[in-house]
Amino acid sequence: MRSCVGIVLCLISLTGCSRFGPKADGDDAPSASYHVDNFTVKYDGNSETIRGASVAPVFFESAKAKPLLGRLFLAEEYPSRGRQVVVVGYRFWQRKLGADSALIGRTLNVNDRAFTVVGVMPAAFQVPSGVEMWVPMAAPAN
């Protein structure tokens, strides 16, 4: 009986330290690979402030993320003077953009600058928590 109690306690202890079940998308994205901020988005005559993230090239790669629609950022879109592109989150796409599958290639005004929508992330991708939009992180100026 005493050995059974020890085994049960050991299993409880291991369960508390281990993660079981499927791994959520983005669990491996290093925190240094993104910066969260408020983005002001203007669309269809409306304006809204949402949480967004500027992300480094390693962000989507380390998160093993794949877009629902479109694509992720290209290497040439990261330099500070690169093309202004944005990937939107599923909930923002559904709630504010009408789940329009023809959104890819259209322009959104983000922080008073024109950004071309290149992708929509799936509902399961919520990294960092509460973020609804991602833009390429500008490379530091030399």
C-alpha atoms as a PDB file:
ATOM      1  CA  MET A   1       0.000   0.000   0.000  1.00  0.00           C
ATOM      2  CA  ARG A   2       2.795   2.409   0.917  1.00  0.00           C
ATOM      3  CA  SER A   3       4.511   1.848  -2.463  1.00  0.00           C
ATOM      4  CA  CYS A   4       1.244   2.578  -4.317  1.00  0.00           C
ATOM      5  CA  VAL A   5       0.911   5.913  -2.545  1.00  0.00           C
ATOM      6  CA  GLY A   6       4.496   6.747  -3.477  1.00  0.00           C
ATOM      7  CA  ILE A   7       3.852   5.913  -7.118  1.00  0.00           C
ATOM      8  CA  VAL A   8       0.677   8.022  -7.187  1.00  0.00           C
ATOM      9  CA  LEU A   9       2.494  10.981  -5.602  1.00  0.00           C
ATOM     10  CA  CYS A  10       5.335  10.594  -8.079  1.00  0.00           C
ATOM     11  CA  LEU A  11       2.871  10.571 -11.028  1.00  0.00           C
ATOM     12  CA  ILE A  12       1.084  13.651  -9.688  1.00  0.00           C
ATOM     13  CA  SER A  13       4.403  15.417  -9.355  1.00  0.00           C
ATOM     14  CA  LEU A  14       5.433  14.487 -12.904  1.00  0.00           C
ATOM     15  CA  THR A  15       2.070  15.559 -14.309  1.00  0.00           C
ATOM     16  CA  GLY A  16       2.455  18.980 -12.737  1.00  0.00           C
ATOM     17  CA  CYS A  17       5.840  19.455 -14.418  1.00  0.00           C
ATOM     18  CA  SER A  18       5.022  18.030 -17.829  1.00  0.00           C
ATOM     19  CA  ARG A  19       2.771  19.199 -20.616  1.00  0.00           C
ATOM     20  CA  PHE A  20       0.477  16.579 -22.039  1.00  0.00           C
ATOM     21  CA  GLY A  21      -1.796  16.891 -25.058  1.00  0.00           C
ATOM     22  CA  PRO A  22      -1.316  18.765 -28.293  1.00  0.00           C
ATOM     23  CA  LYS A  23       1.039  21.688 -28.357  1.00  0.00           C
ATOM     24  CA  ALA A  24      -0.523  25.026 -29.249  1.00  0.00           C
ATOM     25  CA  ASP A  25       0.736  26.861 -32.331  1.00  0.00           C
ATOM     26  CA  GLY A  26       3.391  29.375 -31.479  1.00  0.00           C
ATOM     27  CA  ASP A  27       4.523  27.902 -28.177  1.00  0.00           C
ATOM     28  CA  ASP A  28       8.118  28.010 -29.386  1.00  0.00           C
ATOM     29  CA  ALA A  29       8.189  31.640 -30.556  1.00  0.00           C
ATOM     30  CA  PRO A  30      10.970  33.293 -28.533  1.00  0.00           C
ATOM     31  CA  SER A  31       9.828  36.455 -26.758  1.00  0.00           C
ATOM     32  CA  ALA A  32      12.808  38.364 -28.193  1.00  0.00           C
ATOM     33  CA  SER A  33      11.414  37.732 -31.699  1.00  0.00           C
ATOM     34  CA  TYR A  34       8.467  40.115 -31.318  1.00  0.00           C
ATOM     35  CA  HIS A  35       7.412  43.442 -29.854  1.00  0.00           C
ATOM     36  CA  VAL A  36       3.747  44.058 -28.935  1.00  0.00           C
ATOM     37  CA  ASP A  37       2.223  47.507 -29.370  1.00  0.00           C
ATOM     38  CA  ASN A  38      -1.086  49.208 -30.137  1.00  0.00           C
ATOM     39  CA  PHE A  39      -1.865  49.624 -33.821  1.00  0.00           C
ATOM     40  CA  THR A  40      -4.456  52.070 -35.139  1.00  0.00           C
ATOM     41  CA  VAL A  41      -6.182  50.456 -38.104  1.00  0.00           C
ATOM     42  CA  LYS A  42      -8.415  52.359 -40.516  1.00  0.00           C
ATOM     43  CA  TYR A  43     -10.676  50.451 -42.904  1.00  0.00           C
ATOM     44  CA  ASP A  44     -13.997  51.135 -44.615  1.00  0.00           C
ATOM     45  CA  GLY A  45     -14.274  54.534 -42.922  1.00  0.00           C
ATOM     46  CA  ASN A  46     -13.784  52.995 -39.462  1.00  0.00           C
ATOM     47  CA  SER A  47     -10.861  53.330 -37.082  1.00  0.00           C
ATOM     48  CA  GLU A  48      -9.912  50.911 -34.324  1.00  0.00           C
ATOM     49  CA  THR A  49      -6.957  50.430 -31.994  1.00  0.00           C
ATOM     50  CA  ILE A  50      -5.876  46.808 -31.691  1.00  0.00           C
ATOM     51  CA  ARG A  51      -2.904  44.898 -30.281  1.00  0.00           C
ATOM     52  CA  GLY A  52      -0.318  44.102 -32.902  1.00  0.00           C
ATOM     53  CA  ALA A  53       3.217  42.765 -33.016  1.00  0.00           C
ATOM     54  CA  SER A  54       6.322  43.649 -34.964  1.00  0.00           C
ATOM     55  CA  VAL A  55       8.055  40.332 -35.588  1.00  0.00           C
ATOM     56  CA  ALA A  56      11.572  39.219 -36.486  1.00  0.00           C
ATOM     57  CA  PRO A  57      12.195  36.670 -39.262  1.00  0.00           C
ATOM     58  CA  VAL A  58      12.564  33.856 -36.716  1.00  0.00           C
ATOM     59  CA  PHE A  59       9.098  34.484 -35.177  1.00  0.00           C
ATOM     60  CA  PHE A  60       6.823  32.569 -37.568  1.00  0.00           C
ATOM     61  CA  GLU A  61       9.535  30.009 -38.329  1.00  0.00           C
ATOM     62  CA  SER A  62      10.108  29.085 -34.680  1.00  0.00           C
ATOM     63  CA  ALA A  63       6.353  29.038 -34.040  1.00  0.00           C
ATOM     64  CA  LYS A  64       5.983  26.609 -36.975  1.00  0.00           C
ATOM     65  CA  ALA A  65       3.118  28.824 -38.132  1.00  0.00           C
ATOM     66  CA  LYS A  66       1.328  28.512 -41.451  1.00  0.00           C
ATOM     67  CA  PRO A  67      -1.215  31.060 -42.700  1.00  0.00           C
ATOM     68  CA  LEU A  68      -4.827  30.125 -43.382  1.00  0.00           C
ATOM     69  CA  LEU A  69      -4.786  32.379 -46.452  1.00  0.00           C
ATOM     70  CA  GLY A  70      -1.927  33.963 -48.349  1.00  0.00           C
ATOM     71  CA  ARG A  71       1.631  33.836 -47.070  1.00  0.00           C
ATOM     72  CA  LEU A  72       3.981  35.003 -44.343  1.00  0.00           C
ATOM     73  CA  PHE A  73       6.671  37.667 -44.770  1.00  0.00           C
ATOM     74  CA  LEU A  74       9.475  37.384 -47.309  1.00  0.00           C
ATOM     75  CA  ALA A  75      13.087  38.089 -46.300  1.00  0.00           C
ATOM     76  CA  GLU A  76      13.162  41.307 -48.333  1.00  0.00           C
ATOM     77  CA  GLU A  77      10.157  42.656 -46.420  1.00  0.00           C
ATOM     78  CA  TYR A  78      12.100  42.928 -43.140  1.00  0.00           C
ATOM     79  CA  PRO A  79      14.593  45.721 -43.862  1.00  0.00           C
ATOM     80  CA  SER A  80      13.619  49.112 -42.477  1.00  0.00           C
ATOM     81  CA  ARG A  81      12.739  50.360 -45.940  1.00  0.00           C
ATOM     82  CA  GLY A  82      11.088  47.129 -47.085  1.00  0.00           C
ATOM     83  CA  ARG A  83       7.626  46.888 -48.565  1.00  0.00           C
ATOM     84  CA  GLN A  84       4.906  47.591 -45.961  1.00  0.00           C
ATOM     85  CA  VAL A  85       3.037  44.301 -45.469  1.00  0.00           C
ATOM     86  CA  VAL A  86       0.772  42.895 -42.773  1.00  0.00           C
ATOM     87  CA  VAL A  87      -0.615  39.525 -41.684  1.00  0.00           C
ATOM     88  CA  VAL A  88      -3.972  39.708 -39.919  1.00  0.00           C
ATOM     89  CA  GLY A  89      -5.387  37.414 -37.243  1.00  0.00           C
ATOM     90  CA  TYR A  90      -8.391  35.198 -37.806  1.00  0.00           C
ATOM     91  CA  ARG A  91     -10.661  36.980 -35.299  1.00  0.00           C
ATOM     92  CA  PHE A  92      -9.916  40.445 -36.740  1.00  0.00           C
ATOM     93  CA  TRP A  93     -10.449  39.062 -40.241  1.00  0.00           C
ATOM     94  CA  GLN A  94     -13.808  37.582 -39.206  1.00  0.00           C
ATOM     95  CA  ARG A  95     -15.010  40.416 -36.973  1.00  0.00           C
ATOM     96  CA  LYS A  96     -13.906  43.515 -38.902  1.00  0.00           C
ATOM     97  CA  LEU A  97     -13.030  42.440 -42.435  1.00  0.00           C
ATOM     98  CA  GLY A  98     -16.032  40.216 -43.148  1.00  0.00           C
ATOM     99  CA  ALA A  99     -13.954  37.034 -43.566  1.00  0.00           C
ATOM    100  CA  ASP A 100     -13.310  38.222 -47.111  1.00  0.00           C
ATOM    101  CA  SER A 101     -11.121  35.620 -48.833  1.00  0.00           C
ATOM    102  CA  ALA A 102     -10.226  38.245 -51.466  1.00  0.00           C
ATOM    103  CA  LEU A 103      -8.507  40.366 -48.763  1.00  0.00           C
ATOM    104  CA  ILE A 104      -5.015  39.237 -49.819  1.00  0.00           C
ATOM    105  CA  GLY A 105      -3.372  42.032 -51.801  1.00  0.00           C
ATOM    106  CA  ARG A 106      -5.669  44.742 -50.492  1.00  0.00           C
ATOM    107  CA  THR A 107      -4.456  47.720 -48.481  1.00  0.00           C
ATOM    108  CA  LEU A 108      -5.100  48.521 -44.807  1.00  0.00           C
ATOM    109  CA  ASN A 109      -4.101  51.789 -43.184  1.00  0.00           C
ATOM    110  CA  VAL A 110      -2.030  50.890 -40.107  1.00  0.00           C
ATOM    111  CA  ASN A 111      -0.617  53.720 -37.983  1.00  0.00           C
ATOM    112  CA  ASP A 112      -1.292  56.143 -40.864  1.00  0.00           C
ATOM    113  CA  ARG A 113       0.699  54.078 -43.375  1.00  0.00           C
ATOM    114  CA  ALA A 114      -0.553  51.860 -46.193  1.00  0.00           C
ATOM    115  CA  PHE A 115       0.108  48.150 -45.621  1.00  0.00           C
ATOM    116  CA  THR A 116      -0.629  45.374 -48.113  1.00  0.00           C
ATOM    117  CA  VAL A 117      -2.349  42.331 -46.568  1.00  0.00           C
ATOM    118  CA  VAL A 118      -0.306  39.242 -47.463  1.00  0.00           C
ATOM    119  CA  GLY A 119      -1.799  36.660 -45.087  1.00  0.00           C
ATOM    120  CA  VAL A 120      -4.462  35.617 -42.602  1.00  0.00           C
ATOM    121  CA  MET A 121      -3.503  33.398 -39.662  1.00  0.00           C
ATOM    122  CA  PRO A 122      -5.721  30.495 -38.530  1.00  0.00           C
ATOM    123  CA  ALA A 123      -7.900  30.810 -35.409  1.00  0.00           C
ATOM    124  CA  ALA A 124      -5.561  28.548 -33.408  1.00  0.00           C
ATOM    125  CA  PHE A 125      -2.616  30.921 -33.840  1.00  0.00           C
ATOM    126  CA  GLN A 126      -2.738  33.359 -30.911  1.00  0.00           C
ATOM    127  CA  VAL A 127       0.853  34.397 -30.311  1.00  0.00           C
ATOM    128  CA  PRO A 128       1.460  36.570 -28.457  1.00  0.00           C
ATOM    129  CA  SER A 129      -1.873  36.397 -26.660  1.00  0.00           C
ATOM    130  CA  GLY A 130      -4.368  39.054 -27.745  1.00  0.00           C
ATOM    131  CA  VAL A 131      -2.447  40.114 -30.862  1.00  0.00           C
ATOM    132  CA  GLU A 132      -4.573  40.513 -33.992  1.00  0.00           C
ATOM    133  CA  MET A 133      -2.009  41.753 -36.516  1.00  0.00           C
ATOM    134  CA  TRP A 134       1.679  41.201 -37.332  1.00  0.00           C
ATOM    135  CA  VAL A 135       4.102  43.384 -39.285  1.00  0.00           C
ATOM    136  CA  PRO A 136       7.773  42.778 -40.106  1.00  0.00           C
ATOM    137  CA  MET A 137      10.181  44.149 -37.504  1.00  0.00           C
ATOM    138  CA  ALA A 138      12.431  46.718 -39.143  1.00  0.00           C
ATOM    139  CA  ALA A 139      16.085  45.841 -39.193  1.00  0.00           C
ATOM    140  CA  PRO A 140      18.190  48.155 -37.021  1.00  0.00           C
ATOM    141  CA  ALA A 141      19.835  50.988 -38.910  1.00  0.00           C
ATOM    142  CA  ASN A 142      23.610  50.667 -39.309  1.00  0.00           C
END
